[in-house]
PDB file of N, CA and C in Angstrom:
ATOM      1  N   MET A   1      -1.178   3.345 -13.151  1.00  0.00           N
ATOM      2  CA  MET A   1      -0.855   3.944 -11.954  1.00  0.00           C
ATOM      3  C   MET A   1      -1.913   3.974 -11.194  1.00  0.00           C
ATOM      4  N   LYS A   2      -3.359   3.835 -11.811  1.00  0.00           N
ATOM      5  CA  LYS A   2      -5.016   3.336 -11.338  1.00  0.00           C
ATOM      6  C   LYS A   2      -4.135   1.453 -10.595  1.00  0.00           C
ATOM      7  N   GLN A   3      -3.465   1.181 -10.953  1.00  0.00           N
ATOM      8  CA  GLN A   3      -3.990  -0.100 -10.884  1.00  0.00           C
ATOM      9  C   GLN A   3      -2.898   0.323  -9.199  1.00  0.00           C
ATOM     10  N   LEU A   4      -1.860   0.759  -9.103  1.00  0.00           N
ATOM     11  CA  LEU A   4      -1.105   0.983  -8.006  1.00  0.00           C
ATOM     12  C   LEU A   4      -2.218   1.457  -6.932  1.00  0.00           C
ATOM     13  N   GLU A   5      -3.296   2.710  -7.379  1.00  0.00           N
ATOM     14  CA  GLU A   5      -3.916   3.340  -6.241  1.00  0.00           C
ATOM     15  C   GLU A   5      -4.547   2.199  -5.776  1.00  0.00           C
ATOM     16  N   LYS A   6      -5.607   0.854  -6.604  1.00  0.00           N
ATOM     17  CA  LYS A   6      -6.240   0.066  -5.942  1.00  0.00           C
ATOM     18  C   LYS A   6      -5.002  -0.418  -4.629  1.00  0.00           C
ATOM     19  N   SER A   7      -3.990  -0.778  -6.036  1.00  0.00           N
ATOM     20  CA  SER A   7      -3.123  -1.934  -4.420  1.00  0.00           C
ATOM     21  C   SER A   7      -3.108  -0.800  -3.328  1.00  0.00           C
ATOM     22  N   ILE A   8      -2.670   0.217  -2.949  1.00  0.00           N
ATOM     23  CA  ILE A   8      -2.271   0.850  -1.660  1.00  0.00           C
ATOM     24  C   ILE A   8      -3.653   1.580  -0.753  1.00  0.00           C
ATOM     25  N   LEU A   9      -4.990   1.541  -1.536  1.00  0.00           N
ATOM     26  CA  LEU A   9      -5.984   0.712  -1.088  1.00  0.00           C
ATOM     27  C   LEU A   9      -6.244   0.091  -0.397  1.00  0.00           C
ATOM     28  N   LEU A  10      -6.208  -1.229  -1.283  1.00  0.00           N
ATOM     29  CA  LEU A  10      -6.670  -2.554   0.102  1.00  0.00           C
ATOM     30  C   LEU A  10      -5.201  -2.510   1.285  1.00  0.00           C
ATOM     31  N   ILE A  11      -4.040  -2.554   0.430  1.00  0.00           N
ATOM     32  CA  ILE A  11      -3.257  -2.625   1.423  1.00  0.00           C
ATOM     33  C   ILE A  11      -3.536  -1.073   3.199  1.00  0.00           C
ATOM     34  N   GLU A  12      -4.079  -0.303   2.502  1.00  0.00           N
ATOM     35  CA  GLU A  12      -3.992   0.177   3.919  1.00  0.00           C
ATOM     36  C   GLU A  12      -5.626  -0.476   4.047  1.00  0.00           C
ATOM     37  N   PHE A  13      -6.614  -0.522   3.999  1.00  0.00           N
ATOM     38  CA  PHE A  13      -7.781  -1.213   4.258  1.00  0.00           C
ATOM     39  C   PHE A  13      -7.470  -2.367   5.318  1.00  0.00           C
ATOM     40  N   ASN A  14      -6.598  -3.764   4.828  1.00  0.00           N
ATOM     41  CA  ASN A  14      -5.940  -4.661   5.576  1.00  0.00           C
ATOM     42  C   ASN A  14      -5.098  -4.131   6.358  1.00  0.00           C
ATOM     43  N   GLN A  15      -4.468  -2.901   6.629  1.00  0.00           N
ATOM     44  CA  GLN A  15      -3.048  -2.953   7.573  1.00  0.00           C
ATOM     45  C   GLN A  15      -4.329  -2.350   8.411  1.00  0.00           C
ATOM     46  N   GLU A  16      -5.383  -1.769   8.086  1.00  0.00           N
ATOM     47  CA  GLU A  16      -6.585  -1.327   9.574  1.00  0.00           C
ATOM     48  C   GLU A  16      -6.844  -2.019  10.188  1.00  0.00           C
ATOM     49  N   TYR A  17      -7.624  -3.028  10.137  1.00  0.00           N
ATOM     50  CA  TYR A  17      -7.576  -4.623  10.780  1.00  0.00           C
ATOM     51  C   TYR A  17      -6.683  -5.324  11.533  1.00  0.00           C
ATOM     52  N   LEU A  18      -5.241  -4.555  10.545  1.00  0.00           N
ATOM     53  CA  LEU A  18      -4.383  -6.375  11.070  1.00  0.00           C
ATOM     54  C   LEU A  18      -3.387  -5.617  12.562  1.00  0.00           C
ATOM     55  N   LYS A  19      -3.904  -3.873  12.415  1.00  0.00           N
ATOM     56  CA  LYS A  19      -3.075  -3.224  13.281  1.00  0.00           C
ATOM     57  C   LYS A  19      -4.678  -3.317  14.400  1.00  0.00           C
ATOM     58  N   ARG A  20      -5.651  -3.426  14.319  1.00  0.00           N
ATOM     59  CA  ARG A  20      -6.398  -3.995  15.254  1.00  0.00           C
ATOM     60  C   ARG A  20      -6.643  -4.990  16.085  1.00  0.00           C
ATOM     61  N   PHE A  21      -6.237  -6.153  15.469  1.00  0.00           N
ATOM     62  CA  PHE A  21      -5.728  -7.623  15.629  1.00  0.00           C
ATOM     63  C   PHE A  21      -4.656  -7.352  16.692  1.00  0.00           C
ATOM     64  N   LEU A  22      -3.764  -6.538  16.665  1.00  0.00           N
ATOM     65  CA  LEU A  22      -2.322  -6.968  16.459  1.00  0.00           C
ATOM     66  C   LEU A  22      -2.104  -5.733  18.019  1.00  0.00           C
ATOM     67  N   SER A  23      -3.351  -4.859  18.402  1.00  0.00           N
ATOM     68  CA  SER A  23      -2.767  -3.986  20.074  1.00  0.00           C
ATOM     69  C   SER A  23      -4.588  -4.737  20.691  1.00  0.00           C
ATOM     70  N   GLN A  24      -5.270  -5.290  19.540  1.00  0.00           N
ATOM     71  CA  GLN A  24      -6.391  -6.713  20.929  1.00  0.00           C
ATOM     72  C   GLN A  24      -6.229  -7.402  21.597  1.00  0.00           C
ATOM     73  N   GLY A  25      -5.580  -7.841  20.259  1.00  0.00           N
ATOM     74  CA  GLY A  25      -4.972  -9.531  20.380  1.00  0.00           C
ATOM     75  C   GLY A  25      -6.399 -10.227  19.318  1.00  0.00           C
ATOM     76  N   THR A  26      -7.519  -8.952  18.798  1.00  0.00           N
ATOM     77  CA  THR A  26      -8.535 -10.458  18.830  1.00  0.00           C
ATOM     78  C   THR A  26      -9.130  -9.318  17.465  1.00  0.00           C
ATOM     79  N   LEU A  27     -10.317  -9.842  16.831  1.00  0.00           N
ATOM     80  CA  LEU A  27     -11.728  -8.520  16.179  1.00  0.00           C
ATOM     81  C   LEU A  27     -13.172  -9.478  16.422  1.00  0.00           C
ATOM     82  N   THR A  28     -14.273  -8.181  16.905  1.00  0.00           N
ATOM     83  CA  THR A  28     -15.538  -8.881  17.515  1.00  0.00           C
ATOM     84  C   THR A  28     -15.709  -9.517  15.489  1.00  0.00           C
ATOM     85  N   LYS A  29     -16.738 -10.078  16.130  1.00  0.00           N
ATOM     86  CA  LYS A  29     -17.717 -10.821  14.871  1.00  0.00           C
ATOM     87  C   LYS A  29     -18.179  -9.334  14.118  1.00  0.00           C
ATOM     88  N   LYS A  30     -18.545  -8.107  14.365  1.00  0.00           N
ATOM     89  CA  LYS A  30     -18.194  -7.316  12.837  1.00  0.00           C
ATOM     90  C   LYS A  30     -17.006  -6.832  12.746  1.00  0.00           C
ATOM     91  N   ASP A  31     -16.498  -7.084  13.166  1.00  0.00           N
ATOM     92  CA  ASP A  31     -14.663  -6.173  12.589  1.00  0.00           C
ATOM     93  C   ASP A  31     -13.793  -7.409  11.576  1.00  0.00           C
ATOM     94  N   LEU A  32     -14.779  -8.975  11.423  1.00  0.00           N
ATOM     95  CA  LEU A  32     -14.719  -9.077  10.998  1.00  0.00           C
ATOM     96  C   LEU A  32     -15.491  -9.741   9.776  1.00  0.00           C
ATOM     97  N   LEU A  33     -16.992  -9.847   9.993  1.00  0.00           N
ATOM     98  CA  LEU A  33     -17.361  -9.202   8.659  1.00  0.00           C
ATOM     99  C   LEU A  33     -17.523  -8.119   8.475  1.00  0.00           C
ATOM    100  N   ASP A  34     -17.449  -7.141   8.836  1.00  0.00           N
ATOM    101  CA  ASP A  34     -16.960  -5.468   7.847  1.00  0.00           C
ATOM    102  C   ASP A  34     -15.735  -5.926   7.107  1.00  0.00           C
ATOM    103  N   PHE A  35     -14.358  -6.631   7.333  1.00  0.00           N
ATOM    104  CA  PHE A  35     -13.573  -7.307   7.323  1.00  0.00           C
ATOM    105  C   PHE A  35     -13.487  -7.811   6.111  1.00  0.00           C
ATOM    106  N   TYR A  36     -14.926  -8.532   5.945  1.00  0.00           N
ATOM    107  CA  TYR A  36     -15.460  -9.763   5.010  1.00  0.00           C
ATOM    108  C   TYR A  36     -16.062  -9.353   3.779  1.00  0.00           C
ATOM    109  N   SER A  37     -16.813  -8.869   3.745  1.00  0.00           N
ATOM    110  CA  SER A  37     -17.296  -7.514   2.968  1.00  0.00           C
ATOM    111  C   SER A  37     -16.663  -6.642   2.043  1.00  0.00           C
ATOM    112  N   GLY A  38     -15.827  -5.615   3.296  1.00  0.00           N
ATOM    113  CA  GLY A  38     -14.737  -4.620   2.523  1.00  0.00           C
ATOM    114  C   GLY A  38     -15.014  -3.502   2.106  1.00  0.00           C
ATOM    115  N   GLU A  39     -16.659  -3.545   2.685  1.00  0.00           N
ATOM    116  CA  GLU A  39     -17.693  -2.014   2.788  1.00  0.00           C
ATOM    117  C   GLU A  39     -17.120  -1.098   2.730  1.00  0.00           C
ATOM    118  N   ASN A  40     -16.110  -0.548   3.502  1.00  0.00           N
ATOM    119  CA  ASN A  40     -15.180   0.877   3.311  1.00  0.00           C
ATOM    120  C   ASN A  40     -14.189   1.191   2.431  1.00  0.00           C
ATOM    121  N   VAL A  41     -14.197   0.052   1.967  1.00  0.00           N
ATOM    122  CA  VAL A  41     -13.010  -0.098   0.588  1.00  0.00           C
ATOM    123  C   VAL A  41     -13.765   0.155  -0.983  1.00  0.00           C
ATOM    124  N   LYS A  42     -15.365  -0.607  -1.016  1.00  0.00           N
ATOM    125  CA  LYS A  42     -15.885  -1.180  -2.391  1.00  0.00           C
ATOM    126  C   LYS A  42     -16.145   0.350  -3.229  1.00  0.00           C
ATOM    127  N   ASP A  43     -16.644   1.068  -2.325  1.00  0.00           N
ATOM    128  CA  ASP A  43     -16.703   2.693  -3.571  1.00  0.00           C
ATOM    129  C   ASP A  43     -15.983   3.223  -3.442  1.00  0.00           C
ATOM    130  N   LYS A  44     -15.057   2.973  -3.210  1.00  0.00           N
ATOM    131  CA  LYS A  44     -13.710   3.987  -3.912  1.00  0.00           C
ATOM    132  C   LYS A  44     -12.757   3.140  -4.388  1.00  0.00           C
ATOM    133  N   TYR A  45     -12.727   1.864  -4.450  1.00  0.00           N
ATOM    134  CA  TYR A  45     -12.134   1.068  -5.115  1.00  0.00           C
ATOM    135  C   TYR A  45     -13.023   1.133  -6.645  1.00  0.00           C
ATOM    136  N   ARG A  46     -14.842   1.135  -6.315  1.00  0.00           N
ATOM    137  CA  ARG A  46     -15.630   1.459  -7.874  1.00  0.00           C
ATOM    138  C   ARG A  46     -15.304   2.678  -8.072  1.00  0.00           C
ATOM    139  N   LEU A  47     -14.736   3.571  -8.053  1.00  0.00           N
ATOM    140  CA  LEU A  47     -14.224   4.493  -8.709  1.00  0.00           C
ATOM    141  C   LEU A  47     -13.264   4.650  -9.151  1.00  0.00           C
ATOM    142  N   ILE A  48     -12.114   4.211  -8.571  1.00  0.00           N
ATOM    143  CA  ILE A  48     -10.993   3.200  -9.609  1.00  0.00           C
ATOM    144  C   ILE A  48     -11.267   2.653 -10.041  1.00  0.00           C
ATOM    145  N   GLU A  49     -11.520   1.756 -10.701  1.00  0.00           N
ATOM    146  CA  GLU A  49     -12.309   1.399 -11.617  1.00  0.00           C
ATOM    147  C   GLU A  49     -12.729   1.895 -12.953  1.00  0.00           C
ATOM    148  N   LYS A  50     -13.377   2.558 -12.909  1.00  0.00           N
ATOM    149  CA  LYS A  50     -14.012   3.955 -13.579  1.00  0.00           C
ATOM    150  C   LYS A  50     -13.100   4.369 -13.602  1.00  0.00           C
ATOM    151  N   GLU A  51     -12.938   4.640 -13.804  1.00  0.00           N
ATOM    152  CA  GLU A  51     -11.155   5.950 -14.291  1.00  0.00           C
ATOM    153  C   GLU A  51      -9.987   4.447 -14.817  1.00  0.00           C
ATOM    154  N   ILE A  52      -9.959   3.498 -14.446  1.00  0.00           N
ATOM    155  CA  ILE A  52      -9.552   2.721 -15.437  1.00  0.00           C
ATOM    156  C   ILE A  52      -9.831   2.869 -16.520  1.00  0.00           C
ATOM    157  N   ASP A  53     -11.166   1.709 -16.527  1.00  0.00           N
ATOM    158  CA  ASP A  53     -11.947   1.788 -18.143  1.00  0.00           C
ATOM    159  C   ASP A  53     -12.551   2.883 -18.896  1.00  0.00           C
ATOM    160  N   ALA A  54     -12.156   4.426 -17.796  1.00  0.00           N
ATOM    161  CA  ALA A  54     -12.452   5.593 -18.810  1.00  0.00           C
ATOM    162  C   ALA A  54     -10.643   5.554 -19.785  1.00  0.00           C
ATOM    163  N   SER A  55     -10.253   4.876 -19.010  1.00  0.00           N
ATOM    164  CA  SER A  55      -8.566   5.729 -20.148  1.00  0.00           C
ATOM    165  C   SER A  55      -8.390   4.292 -21.300  1.00  0.00           C
TER     166      SER A  55
END
């Protein structure tokens, strides 16, 4: 179940940037850097990883 949660989280993260690209036709340098680093999703991902490891 936790693996599914991680997958959904990553899909939503990717979807956010895809929507932005499709609506604007481009991504800024900041958008690309944020997407590459994945800072928006890292904390949530770590929490799920901890829950998986604890199981």
